């Protein structure tokens, strides 16, 4: 199980808050967290900086999430997370996982 799948499973298992809505198109909650983390690793300091990662088509195959959401979409989706969702995500990342 990859990191994104682990994040999605942990966030979905949260019983203390309403689930983060998952749409048919776009990114899942785990993909959003992975995209924001990759943007921060690349030097992003705010949601607007996600656009630089999104524009990097050559590096898309090297990232955990190839389709990075736009900055306004990422901000809108991030507002759906509650503290307990983020605590579950931190718990998932702290656990050993396989990158296969």
PDB file of N, CA and C in Angstrom:
ATOM      1  N   UNK A   1       0.857  -1.173   0.000  1.00  0.00           N
ATOM      2  CA  UNK A   1       0.000   0.000   0.000  1.00  0.00           C
ATOM      3  C   UNK A   1       0.901   1.233   0.000  1.00  0.00           C
ATOM      4  N   UNK A   2       0.648   2.130  -0.922  1.00  0.00           N
ATOM      5  CA  UNK A   2       1.432   3.349  -1.025  1.00  0.00           C
ATOM      6  C   UNK A   2       0.982   4.400  -0.015  1.00  0.00           C
ATOM      7  N   UNK A   3       1.740   5.459   0.068  1.00  0.00           N
ATOM      8  CA  UNK A   3       1.459   6.520   1.025  1.00  0.00           C
ATOM      9  C   UNK A   3       0.080   7.140   0.803  1.00  0.00           C
ATOM     10  N   UNK A   4      -0.264   7.425  -0.432  1.00  0.00           N
ATOM     11  CA  UNK A   4      -1.549   8.076  -0.717  1.00  0.00           C
ATOM     12  C   UNK A   4      -2.708   7.173  -0.291  1.00  0.00           C
ATOM     13  N   UNK A   5      -2.614   5.893  -0.594  1.00  0.00           N
ATOM     14  CA  UNK A   5      -3.677   4.957  -0.205  1.00  0.00           C
ATOM     15  C   UNK A   5      -3.772   4.844   1.310  1.00  0.00           C
ATOM     16  N   UNK A   6      -2.617   4.830   1.978  1.00  0.00           N
ATOM     17  CA  UNK A   6      -2.595   4.771   3.436  1.00  0.00           C
ATOM     18  C   UNK A   6      -3.250   6.012   4.037  1.00  0.00           C
ATOM     19  N   UNK A   7      -2.928   7.180   3.505  1.00  0.00           N
ATOM     20  CA  UNK A   7      -3.550   8.422   3.979  1.00  0.00           C
ATOM     21  C   UNK A   7      -5.063   8.399   3.760  1.00  0.00           C
ATOM     22  N   UNK A   8      -5.487   7.988   2.565  1.00  0.00           N
ATOM     23  CA  UNK A   8      -6.926   7.934   2.282  1.00  0.00           C
ATOM     24  C   UNK A   8      -7.651   6.990   3.234  1.00  0.00           C
ATOM     25  N   UNK A   9      -7.074   5.827   3.490  1.00  0.00           N
ATOM     26  CA  UNK A   9      -7.711   4.853   4.381  1.00  0.00           C
ATOM     27  C   UNK A   9      -7.793   5.383   5.806  1.00  0.00           C
ATOM     28  N   UNK A  10      -6.729   6.016   6.278  1.00  0.00           N
ATOM     29  CA  UNK A  10      -6.712   6.531   7.648  1.00  0.00           C
ATOM     30  C   UNK A  10      -7.705   7.682   7.809  1.00  0.00           C
ATOM     31  N   UNK A  11      -7.763   8.577   6.856  1.00  0.00           N
ATOM     32  CA  UNK A  11      -8.693   9.705   6.929  1.00  0.00           C
ATOM     33  C   UNK A  11     -10.136   9.211   6.853  1.00  0.00           C
ATOM     34  N   UNK A  12     -10.398   8.215   6.008  1.00  0.00           N
ATOM     35  CA  UNK A  12     -11.755   7.666   5.881  1.00  0.00           C
ATOM     36  C   UNK A  12     -12.195   6.955   7.155  1.00  0.00           C
ATOM     37  N   UNK A  13     -11.254   6.439   7.929  1.00  0.00           N
ATOM     38  CA  UNK A  13     -11.581   5.710   9.160  1.00  0.00           C
ATOM     39  C   UNK A  13     -11.894   6.643  10.329  1.00  0.00           C
ATOM     40  N   UNK A  14     -11.743   7.931  10.138  1.00  0.00           N
ATOM     41  CA  UNK A  14     -11.989   8.898  11.200  1.00  0.00           C
ATOM     42  C   UNK A  14     -13.473   8.898  11.586  1.00  0.00           C
ATOM     43  N   UNK A  15     -13.756   8.688  12.835  1.00  0.00           N
ATOM     44  CA  UNK A  15     -15.140   8.653  13.317  1.00  0.00           C
ATOM     45  C   UNK A  15     -15.511   9.917  14.103  1.00  0.00           C
ATOM     46  N   UNK A  16     -14.529  10.789  14.374  1.00  0.00           N
ATOM     47  CA  UNK A  16     -14.795  11.965  15.201  1.00  0.00           C
ATOM     48  C   UNK A  16     -15.268  13.169  14.407  1.00  0.00           C
ATOM     49  N   UNK A  17     -15.230  13.091  13.094  1.00  0.00           N
ATOM     50  CA  UNK A  17     -15.679  14.210  12.265  1.00  0.00           C
ATOM     51  C   UNK A  17     -16.325  13.661  10.999  1.00  0.00           C
ATOM     52  N   UNK A  18     -17.137  14.481  10.372  1.00  0.00           N
ATOM     53  CA  UNK A  18     -17.738  14.061   9.102  1.00  0.00           C
ATOM     54  C   UNK A  18     -16.643  13.746   8.107  1.00  0.00           C
ATOM     55  N   UNK A  19     -16.884  12.793   7.224  1.00  0.00           N
ATOM     56  CA  UNK A  19     -15.848  12.445   6.243  1.00  0.00           C
ATOM     57  C   UNK A  19     -15.533  13.618   5.320  1.00  0.00           C
ATOM     58  N   UNK A  20     -14.295  13.651   4.854  1.00  0.00           N
ATOM     59  CA  UNK A  20     -13.907  14.637   3.854  1.00  0.00           C
ATOM     60  C   UNK A  20     -14.547  14.186   2.548  1.00  0.00           C
ATOM     61  N   UNK A  21     -15.317  15.065   1.950  1.00  0.00           N
ATOM     62  CA  UNK A  21     -16.043  14.720   0.729  1.00  0.00           C
ATOM     63  C   UNK A  21     -15.066  14.373  -0.393  1.00  0.00           C
ATOM     64  N   UNK A  22     -15.312  13.248  -1.041  1.00  0.00           N
ATOM     65  CA  UNK A  22     -14.488  12.813  -2.166  1.00  0.00           C
ATOM     66  C   UNK A  22     -15.329  12.940  -3.428  1.00  0.00           C
ATOM     67  N   UNK A  23     -14.811  13.671  -4.383  1.00  0.00           N
ATOM     68  CA  UNK A  23     -15.535  13.873  -5.632  1.00  0.00           C
ATOM     69  C   UNK A  23     -15.066  12.861  -6.664  1.00  0.00           C
ATOM     70  N   UNK A  24     -15.858  12.659  -7.712  1.00  0.00           N
ATOM     71  CA  UNK A  24     -15.482  11.720  -8.765  1.00  0.00           C
ATOM     72  C   UNK A  24     -14.268  12.220  -9.551  1.00  0.00           C
ATOM     73  N   UNK A  25     -14.177  13.507  -9.718  1.00  0.00           N
ATOM     74  CA  UNK A  25     -13.007  14.049 -10.416  1.00  0.00           C
ATOM     75  C   UNK A  25     -12.164  14.802  -9.399  1.00  0.00           C
ATOM     76  N   UNK A  26     -10.935  15.027  -9.735  1.00  0.00           N
ATOM     77  CA  UNK A  26     -10.054  15.729  -8.818  1.00  0.00           C
ATOM     78  C   UNK A  26      -9.252  14.770  -7.956  1.00  0.00           C
ATOM     79  N   UNK A  27      -8.718  15.284  -6.878  1.00  0.00           N
ATOM     80  CA  UNK A  27      -7.840  14.489  -6.021  1.00  0.00           C
ATOM     81  C   UNK A  27      -8.571  14.029  -4.767  1.00  0.00           C
ATOM     82  N   UNK A  28      -8.072  12.931  -4.218  1.00  0.00           N
ATOM     83  CA  UNK A  28      -8.609  12.415  -2.963  1.00  0.00           C
ATOM     84  C   UNK A  28      -7.974  13.188  -1.807  1.00  0.00           C
ATOM     85  N   UNK A  29      -8.471  13.023  -0.589  1.00  0.00           N
ATOM     86  CA  UNK A  29      -7.839  13.699   0.553  1.00  0.00           C
ATOM     87  C   UNK A  29      -6.356  13.337   0.705  1.00  0.00           C
ATOM     88  N   UNK A  30      -6.022  12.079   0.506  1.00  0.00           N
ATOM     89  CA  UNK A  30      -4.620  11.652   0.599  1.00  0.00           C
ATOM     90  C   UNK A  30      -3.756  12.265  -0.493  1.00  0.00           C
ATOM     91  N   UNK A  31      -4.313  12.368  -1.693  1.00  0.00           N
ATOM     92  CA  UNK A  31      -3.572  12.986  -2.794  1.00  0.00           C
ATOM     93  C   UNK A  31      -3.346  14.468  -2.535  1.00  0.00           C
ATOM     94  N   UNK A  32      -4.324  15.133  -1.940  1.00  0.00           N
ATOM     95  CA  UNK A  32      -4.156  16.544  -1.609  1.00  0.00           C
ATOM     96  C   UNK A  32      -3.015  16.730  -0.608  1.00  0.00           C
ATOM     97  N   UNK A  33      -3.006  15.925   0.449  1.00  0.00           N
ATOM     98  CA  UNK A  33      -1.954  16.035   1.458  1.00  0.00           C
ATOM     99  C   UNK A  33      -0.588  15.755   0.838  1.00  0.00           C
ATOM    100  N   UNK A  34      -0.505  14.723   0.001  1.00  0.00           N
ATOM    101  CA  UNK A  34       0.771  14.395  -0.649  1.00  0.00           C
ATOM    102  C   UNK A  34       1.212  15.521  -1.586  1.00  0.00           C
ATOM    103  N   UNK A  35       0.271  16.100  -2.320  1.00  0.00           N
ATOM    104  CA  UNK A  35       0.607  17.209  -3.232  1.00  0.00           C
ATOM    105  C   UNK A  35       1.128  18.418  -2.472  1.00  0.00           C
ATOM    106  N   UNK A  36       0.470  18.757  -1.373  1.00  0.00           N
ATOM    107  CA  UNK A  36       0.913  19.904  -0.579  1.00  0.00           C
ATOM    108  C   UNK A  36       2.275  19.636   0.056  1.00  0.00           C
ATOM    109  N   UNK A  37       2.508  18.410   0.495  1.00  0.00           N
ATOM    110  CA  UNK A  37       3.808  18.062   1.076  1.00  0.00           C
ATOM    111  C   UNK A  37       4.909  18.163   0.021  1.00  0.00           C
ATOM    112  N   UNK A  38       4.637  17.665  -1.189  1.00  0.00           N
ATOM    113  CA  UNK A  38       5.628  17.756  -2.269  1.00  0.00           C
ATOM    114  C   UNK A  38       5.894  19.212  -2.641  1.00  0.00           C
ATOM    115  N   UNK A  39       4.861  20.032  -2.637  1.00  0.00           N
ATOM    116  CA  UNK A  39       5.048  21.455  -2.940  1.00  0.00           C
ATOM    117  C   UNK A  39       5.927  22.106  -1.879  1.00  0.00           C
ATOM    118  N   UNK A  40       5.707  21.766  -0.621  1.00  0.00           N
ATOM    119  CA  UNK A  40       6.534  22.327   0.451  1.00  0.00           C
ATOM    120  C   UNK A  40       7.982  21.868   0.318  1.00  0.00           C
ATOM    121  N   UNK A  41       8.191  20.619  -0.044  1.00  0.00           N
ATOM    122  CA  UNK A  41       9.552  20.125  -0.253  1.00  0.00           C
ATOM    123  C   UNK A  41      10.247  20.867  -1.391  1.00  0.00           C
ATOM    124  N   UNK A  42       9.464  21.340  -2.349  1.00  0.00           N
ATOM    125  CA  UNK A  42      10.015  22.092  -3.477  1.00  0.00           C
ATOM    126  C   UNK A  42      10.142  23.582  -3.173  1.00  0.00           C
ATOM    127  N   UNK A  43       9.796  23.992  -1.946  1.00  0.00           N
ATOM    128  CA  UNK A  43       9.970  25.383  -1.548  1.00  0.00           C
ATOM    129  C   UNK A  43       8.701  26.201  -1.448  1.00  0.00           C
ATOM    130  N   UNK A  44       7.550  25.594  -1.623  1.00  0.00           N
ATOM    131  CA  UNK A  44       6.289  26.342  -1.539  1.00  0.00           C
ATOM    132  C   UNK A  44       6.060  26.857  -0.124  1.00  0.00           C
ATOM    133  N   UNK A  45       5.554  28.072  -0.048  1.00  0.00           N
ATOM    134  CA  UNK A  45       5.259  28.685   1.245  1.00  0.00           C
ATOM    135  C   UNK A  45       3.780  29.003   1.418  1.00  0.00           C
ATOM    136  N   UNK A  46       3.021  28.976   0.330  1.00  0.00           N
ATOM    137  CA  UNK A  46       1.586  29.268   0.404  1.00  0.00           C
ATOM    138  C   UNK A  46       0.882  28.489  -0.701  1.00  0.00           C
ATOM    139  N   UNK A  47      -0.437  28.521  -0.677  1.00  0.00           N
ATOM    140  CA  UNK A  47      -1.199  27.751  -1.660  1.00  0.00           C
ATOM    141  C   UNK A  47      -0.927  28.218  -3.088  1.00  0.00           C
ATOM    142  N   UNK A  48      -0.644  29.482  -3.294  1.00  0.00           N
ATOM    143  CA  UNK A  48      -0.366  29.985  -4.641  1.00  0.00           C
ATOM    144  C   UNK A  48       0.874  29.328  -5.242  1.00  0.00           C
ATOM    145  N   UNK A  49       1.800  28.915  -4.399  1.00  0.00           N
ATOM    146  CA  UNK A  49       3.028  28.276  -4.884  1.00  0.00           C
ATOM    147  C   UNK A  49       2.782  26.880  -5.451  1.00  0.00           C
ATOM    148  N   UNK A  50       1.619  26.308  -5.206  1.00  0.00           N
ATOM    149  CA  UNK A  50       1.270  24.991  -5.750  1.00  0.00           C
ATOM    150  C   UNK A  50       1.250  25.052  -7.281  1.00  0.00           C
ATOM    151  N   UNK A  51       0.969  26.233  -7.821  1.00  0.00           N
ATOM    152  CA  UNK A  51       0.913  26.391  -9.277  1.00  0.00           C
ATOM    153  C   UNK A  51       2.260  26.069  -9.938  1.00  0.00           C
ATOM    154  N   UNK A  52       3.366  26.347  -9.256  1.00  0.00           N
ATOM    155  CA  UNK A  52       4.678  26.017  -9.823  1.00  0.00           C
ATOM    156  C   UNK A  52       4.847  24.513  -9.946  1.00  0.00           C
ATOM    157  N   UNK A  53       4.425  23.774  -8.943  1.00  0.00           N
ATOM    158  CA  UNK A  53       4.494  22.318  -8.992  1.00  0.00           C
ATOM    159  C   UNK A  53       3.556  21.792 -10.079  1.00  0.00           C
ATOM    160  N   UNK A  54       2.400  22.383 -10.176  1.00  0.00           N
ATOM    161  CA  UNK A  54       1.409  21.986 -11.183  1.00  0.00           C
ATOM    162  C   UNK A  54       1.935  22.214 -12.593  1.00  0.00           C
ATOM    163  N   UNK A  55       2.704  23.274 -12.796  1.00  0.00           N
ATOM    164  CA  UNK A  55       3.245  23.601 -14.117  1.00  0.00           C
ATOM    165  C   UNK A  55       4.410  22.708 -14.519  1.00  0.00           C
ATOM    166  N   UNK A  56       5.003  22.027 -13.564  1.00  0.00           N
ATOM    167  CA  UNK A  56       6.160  21.166 -13.849  1.00  0.00           C
ATOM    168  C   UNK A  56       5.690  19.823 -14.400  1.00  0.00           C
ATOM    169  N   UNK A  57       5.392  19.778 -15.686  1.00  0.00           N
ATOM    170  CA  UNK A  57       4.903  18.556 -16.320  1.00  0.00           C
ATOM    171  C   UNK A  57       6.003  17.507 -16.427  1.00  0.00           C
ATOM    172  N   UNK A  58       7.251  17.935 -16.584  1.00  0.00           N
ATOM    173  CA  UNK A  58       8.352  16.979 -16.723  1.00  0.00           C
ATOM    174  C   UNK A  58       8.560  16.175 -15.435  1.00  0.00           C
ATOM    175  N   UNK A  59       8.352  16.795 -14.294  1.00  0.00           N
ATOM    176  CA  UNK A  59       8.555  16.112 -13.024  1.00  0.00           C
ATOM    177  C   UNK A  59       7.338  15.362 -12.521  1.00  0.00           C
ATOM    178  N   UNK A  60       6.236  15.410 -13.254  1.00  0.00           N
ATOM    179  CA  UNK A  60       4.994  14.789 -12.801  1.00  0.00           C
ATOM    180  C   UNK A  60       5.134  13.292 -12.574  1.00  0.00           C
ATOM    181  N   UNK A  61       5.898  12.617 -13.411  1.00  0.00           N
ATOM    182  CA  UNK A  61       6.051  11.172 -13.279  1.00  0.00           C
ATOM    183  C   UNK A  61       6.858  10.780 -12.042  1.00  0.00           C
ATOM    184  N   UNK A  62       7.597  11.711 -11.481  1.00  0.00           N
ATOM    185  CA  UNK A  62       8.424  11.433 -10.313  1.00  0.00           C
ATOM    186  C   UNK A  62       7.677  11.673  -9.002  1.00  0.00           C
ATOM    187  N   UNK A  63       6.536  12.325  -9.073  1.00  0.00           N
ATOM    188  CA  UNK A  63       5.786  12.664  -7.870  1.00  0.00           C
ATOM    189  C   UNK A  63       4.805  11.563  -7.488  1.00  0.00           C
ATOM    190  N   UNK A  64       4.384  11.568  -6.243  1.00  0.00           N
ATOM    191  CA  UNK A  64       3.393  10.602  -5.761  1.00  0.00           C
ATOM    192  C   UNK A  64       2.032  10.871  -6.398  1.00  0.00           C
ATOM    193  N   UNK A  65       1.748  12.134  -6.682  1.00  0.00           N
ATOM    194  CA  UNK A  65       0.471  12.533  -7.294  1.00  0.00           C
ATOM    195  C   UNK A  65       0.795  13.303  -8.563  1.00  0.00           C
ATOM    196  N   UNK A  66       0.449  12.733  -9.705  1.00  0.00           N
ATOM    197  CA  UNK A  66       0.801  13.385 -10.972  1.00  0.00           C
ATOM    198  C   UNK A  66      -0.089  14.582 -11.284  1.00  0.00           C
ATOM    199  N   UNK A  67      -1.363  14.526 -10.891  1.00  0.00           N
ATOM    200  CA  UNK A  67      -2.293  15.619 -11.156  1.00  0.00           C
ATOM    201  C   UNK A  67      -2.432  16.497  -9.911  1.00  0.00           C
ATOM    202  N   UNK A  68      -1.671  17.556  -9.866  1.00  0.00           N
ATOM    203  CA  UNK A  68      -1.699  18.484  -8.732  1.00  0.00           C
ATOM    204  C   UNK A  68      -2.892  19.423  -8.904  1.00  0.00           C
ATOM    205  N   UNK A  69      -3.697  19.624  -7.856  1.00  0.00           N
ATOM    206  CA  UNK A  69      -4.838  20.534  -7.982  1.00  0.00           C
ATOM    207  C   UNK A  69      -4.380  21.980  -8.126  1.00  0.00           C
ATOM    208  N   UNK A  70      -5.225  22.800  -8.701  1.00  0.00           N
ATOM    209  CA  UNK A  70      -4.907  24.227  -8.796  1.00  0.00           C
ATOM    210  C   UNK A  70      -4.885  24.823  -7.389  1.00  0.00           C
ATOM    211  N   UNK A  71      -4.272  25.978  -7.249  1.00  0.00           N
ATOM    212  CA  UNK A  71      -4.161  26.623  -5.934  1.00  0.00           C
ATOM    213  C   UNK A  71      -5.540  26.895  -5.312  1.00  0.00           C
ATOM    214  N   UNK A  72      -6.504  27.472  -6.056  1.00  0.00           N
ATOM    215  CA  UNK A  72      -7.817  27.698  -5.440  1.00  0.00           C
ATOM    216  C   UNK A  72      -8.517  26.392  -5.032  1.00  0.00           C
ATOM    217  N   UNK A  73      -8.374  25.362  -5.850  1.00  0.00           N
ATOM    218  CA  UNK A  73      -8.982  24.069  -5.521  1.00  0.00           C
ATOM    219  C   UNK A  73      -8.326  23.466  -4.294  1.00  0.00           C
ATOM    220  N   UNK A  74      -6.997  23.518  -4.222  1.00  0.00           N
ATOM    221  CA  UNK A  74      -6.274  22.971  -3.067  1.00  0.00           C
ATOM    222  C   UNK A  74      -6.709  23.673  -1.785  1.00  0.00           C
ATOM    223  N   UNK A  75      -6.842  24.979  -1.832  1.00  0.00           N
ATOM    224  CA  UNK A  75      -7.274  25.739  -0.654  1.00  0.00           C
ATOM    225  C   UNK A  75      -8.703  25.357  -0.265  1.00  0.00           C
ATOM    226  N   UNK A  76      -9.582  25.266  -1.246  1.00  0.00           N
ATOM    227  CA  UNK A  76     -10.973  24.903  -0.978  1.00  0.00           C
ATOM    228  C   UNK A  76     -11.056  23.504  -0.364  1.00  0.00           C
ATOM    229  N   UNK A  77     -10.306  22.556  -0.889  1.00  0.00           N
ATOM    230  CA  UNK A  77     -10.323  21.192  -0.361  1.00  0.00           C
ATOM    231  C   UNK A  77      -9.699  21.126   1.031  1.00  0.00           C
ATOM    232  N   UNK A  78      -8.639  21.884   1.252  1.00  0.00           N
ATOM    233  CA  UNK A  78      -7.971  21.876   2.558  1.00  0.00           C
ATOM    234  C   UNK A  78      -8.891  22.387   3.665  1.00  0.00           C
ATOM    235  N   UNK A  79      -9.805  23.274   3.326  1.00  0.00           N
ATOM    236  CA  UNK A  79     -10.742  23.812   4.320  1.00  0.00           C
ATOM    237  C   UNK A  79     -11.729  22.760   4.819  1.00  0.00           C
ATOM    238  N   UNK A  80     -11.838  21.642   4.114  1.00  0.00           N
ATOM    239  CA  UNK A  80     -12.750  20.569   4.533  1.00  0.00           C
ATOM    240  C   UNK A  80     -12.163  19.705   5.644  1.00  0.00           C
ATOM    241  N   UNK A  81     -10.857  19.783   5.837  1.00  0.00           N
ATOM    242  CA  UNK A  81     -10.201  18.971   6.858  1.00  0.00           C
ATOM    243  C   UNK A  81     -10.455  19.541   8.248  1.00  0.00           C
ATOM    244  N   UNK A  82     -10.674  18.681   9.184  1.00  0.00           N
ATOM    245  CA  UNK A  82     -10.794  19.037  10.597  1.00  0.00           C
ATOM    246  C   UNK A  82      -9.540  18.565  11.310  1.00  0.00           C
ATOM    247  N   UNK A  83      -9.363  19.018  12.508  1.00  0.00           N
ATOM    248  CA  UNK A  83      -8.177  18.642  13.279  1.00  0.00           C
ATOM    249  C   UNK A  83      -8.020  17.121  13.363  1.00  0.00           C
ATOM    250  N   UNK A  84      -9.115  16.425  13.593  1.00  0.00           N
ATOM    251  CA  UNK A  84      -9.027  14.967  13.725  1.00  0.00           C
ATOM    252  C   UNK A  84      -8.603  14.300  12.417  1.00  0.00           C
ATOM    253  N   UNK A  85      -8.972  14.874  11.267  1.00  0.00           N
ATOM    254  CA  UNK A  85      -8.504  14.331   9.987  1.00  0.00           C
ATOM    255  C   UNK A  85      -6.989  14.461   9.891  1.00  0.00           C
ATOM    256  N   UNK A  86      -6.482  15.618  10.269  1.00  0.00           N
ATOM    257  CA  UNK A  86      -5.036  15.842  10.184  1.00  0.00           C
ATOM    258  C   UNK A  86      -4.284  14.982  11.189  1.00  0.00           C
ATOM    259  N   UNK A  87      -4.866  14.759  12.347  1.00  0.00           N
ATOM    260  CA  UNK A  87      -4.233  13.871  13.323  1.00  0.00           C
ATOM    261  C   UNK A  87      -4.157  12.453  12.774  1.00  0.00           C
ATOM    262  N   UNK A  88      -5.205  12.016  12.086  1.00  0.00           N
ATOM    263  CA  UNK A  88      -5.187  10.680  11.479  1.00  0.00           C
ATOM    264  C   UNK A  88      -4.134  10.608  10.381  1.00  0.00           C
ATOM    265  N   UNK A  89      -3.991  11.676   9.600  1.00  0.00           N
ATOM    266  CA  UNK A  89      -2.975  11.698   8.548  1.00  0.00           C
ATOM    267  C   UNK A  89      -1.573  11.627   9.152  1.00  0.00           C
ATOM    268  N   UNK A  90      -1.344  12.361  10.221  1.00  0.00           N
ATOM    269  CA  UNK A  90      -0.044  12.304  10.896  1.00  0.00           C
ATOM    270  C   UNK A  90       0.233  10.898  11.416  1.00  0.00           C
ATOM    271  N   UNK A  91      -0.792  10.259  11.953  1.00  0.00           N
ATOM    272  CA  UNK A  91      -0.647   8.893  12.453  1.00  0.00           C
ATOM    273  C   UNK A  91      -0.285   7.946  11.305  1.00  0.00           C
ATOM    274  N   UNK A  92      -0.915   8.122  10.159  1.00  0.00           N
ATOM    275  CA  UNK A  92      -0.642   7.262   9.004  1.00  0.00           C
ATOM    276  C   UNK A  92       0.793   7.438   8.514  1.00  0.00           C
ATOM    277  N   UNK A  93       1.257   8.684   8.482  1.00  0.00           N
ATOM    278  CA  UNK A  93       2.618   8.950   8.003  1.00  0.00           C
ATOM    279  C   UNK A  93       3.661   8.410   8.975  1.00  0.00           C
ATOM    280  N   UNK A  94       3.337   8.409  10.266  1.00  0.00           N
ATOM    281  CA  UNK A  94       4.280   7.923  11.267  1.00  0.00           C
ATOM    282  C   UNK A  94       4.450   6.409  11.229  1.00  0.00           C
ATOM    283  N   UNK A  95       3.458   5.709  10.698  1.00  0.00           N
ATOM    284  CA  UNK A  95       3.532   4.253  10.597  1.00  0.00           C
ATOM    285  C   UNK A  95       4.441   3.823   9.459  1.00  0.00           C
ATOM    286  N   UNK A  96       5.087   2.666   9.588  1.00  0.00           N
ATOM    287  CA  UNK A  96       5.869   2.155   8.460  1.00  0.00           C
ATOM    288  C   UNK A  96       4.953   1.859   7.272  1.00  0.00           C
ATOM    289  N   UNK A  97       5.366   2.186   6.093  1.00  0.00           N
ATOM    290  CA  UNK A  97       4.583   1.903   4.886  1.00  0.00           C
ATOM    291  C   UNK A  97       5.507   1.522   3.770  1.00  0.00           C
ATOM    292  N   UNK A  98       4.945   0.862   2.799  1.00  0.00           N
ATOM    293  CA  UNK A  98       5.708   0.383   1.649  1.00  0.00           C
ATOM    294  C   UNK A  98       5.412   1.280   0.448  1.00  0.00           C
ATOM    295  N   UNK A  99       6.445   1.657  -0.273  1.00  0.00           N
ATOM    296  CA  UNK A  99       6.281   2.553  -1.434  1.00  0.00           C
ATOM    297  C   UNK A  99       6.099   1.774  -2.732  1.00  0.00           C
ATOM    298  N   UNK A 100       5.594   0.555  -2.700  1.00  0.00           N
ATOM    299  CA  UNK A 100       5.440  -0.212  -3.937  1.00  0.00           C
ATOM    300  C   UNK A 100       4.233   0.128  -4.679  1.00  0.00           C
TER     301      UNK A 100
END
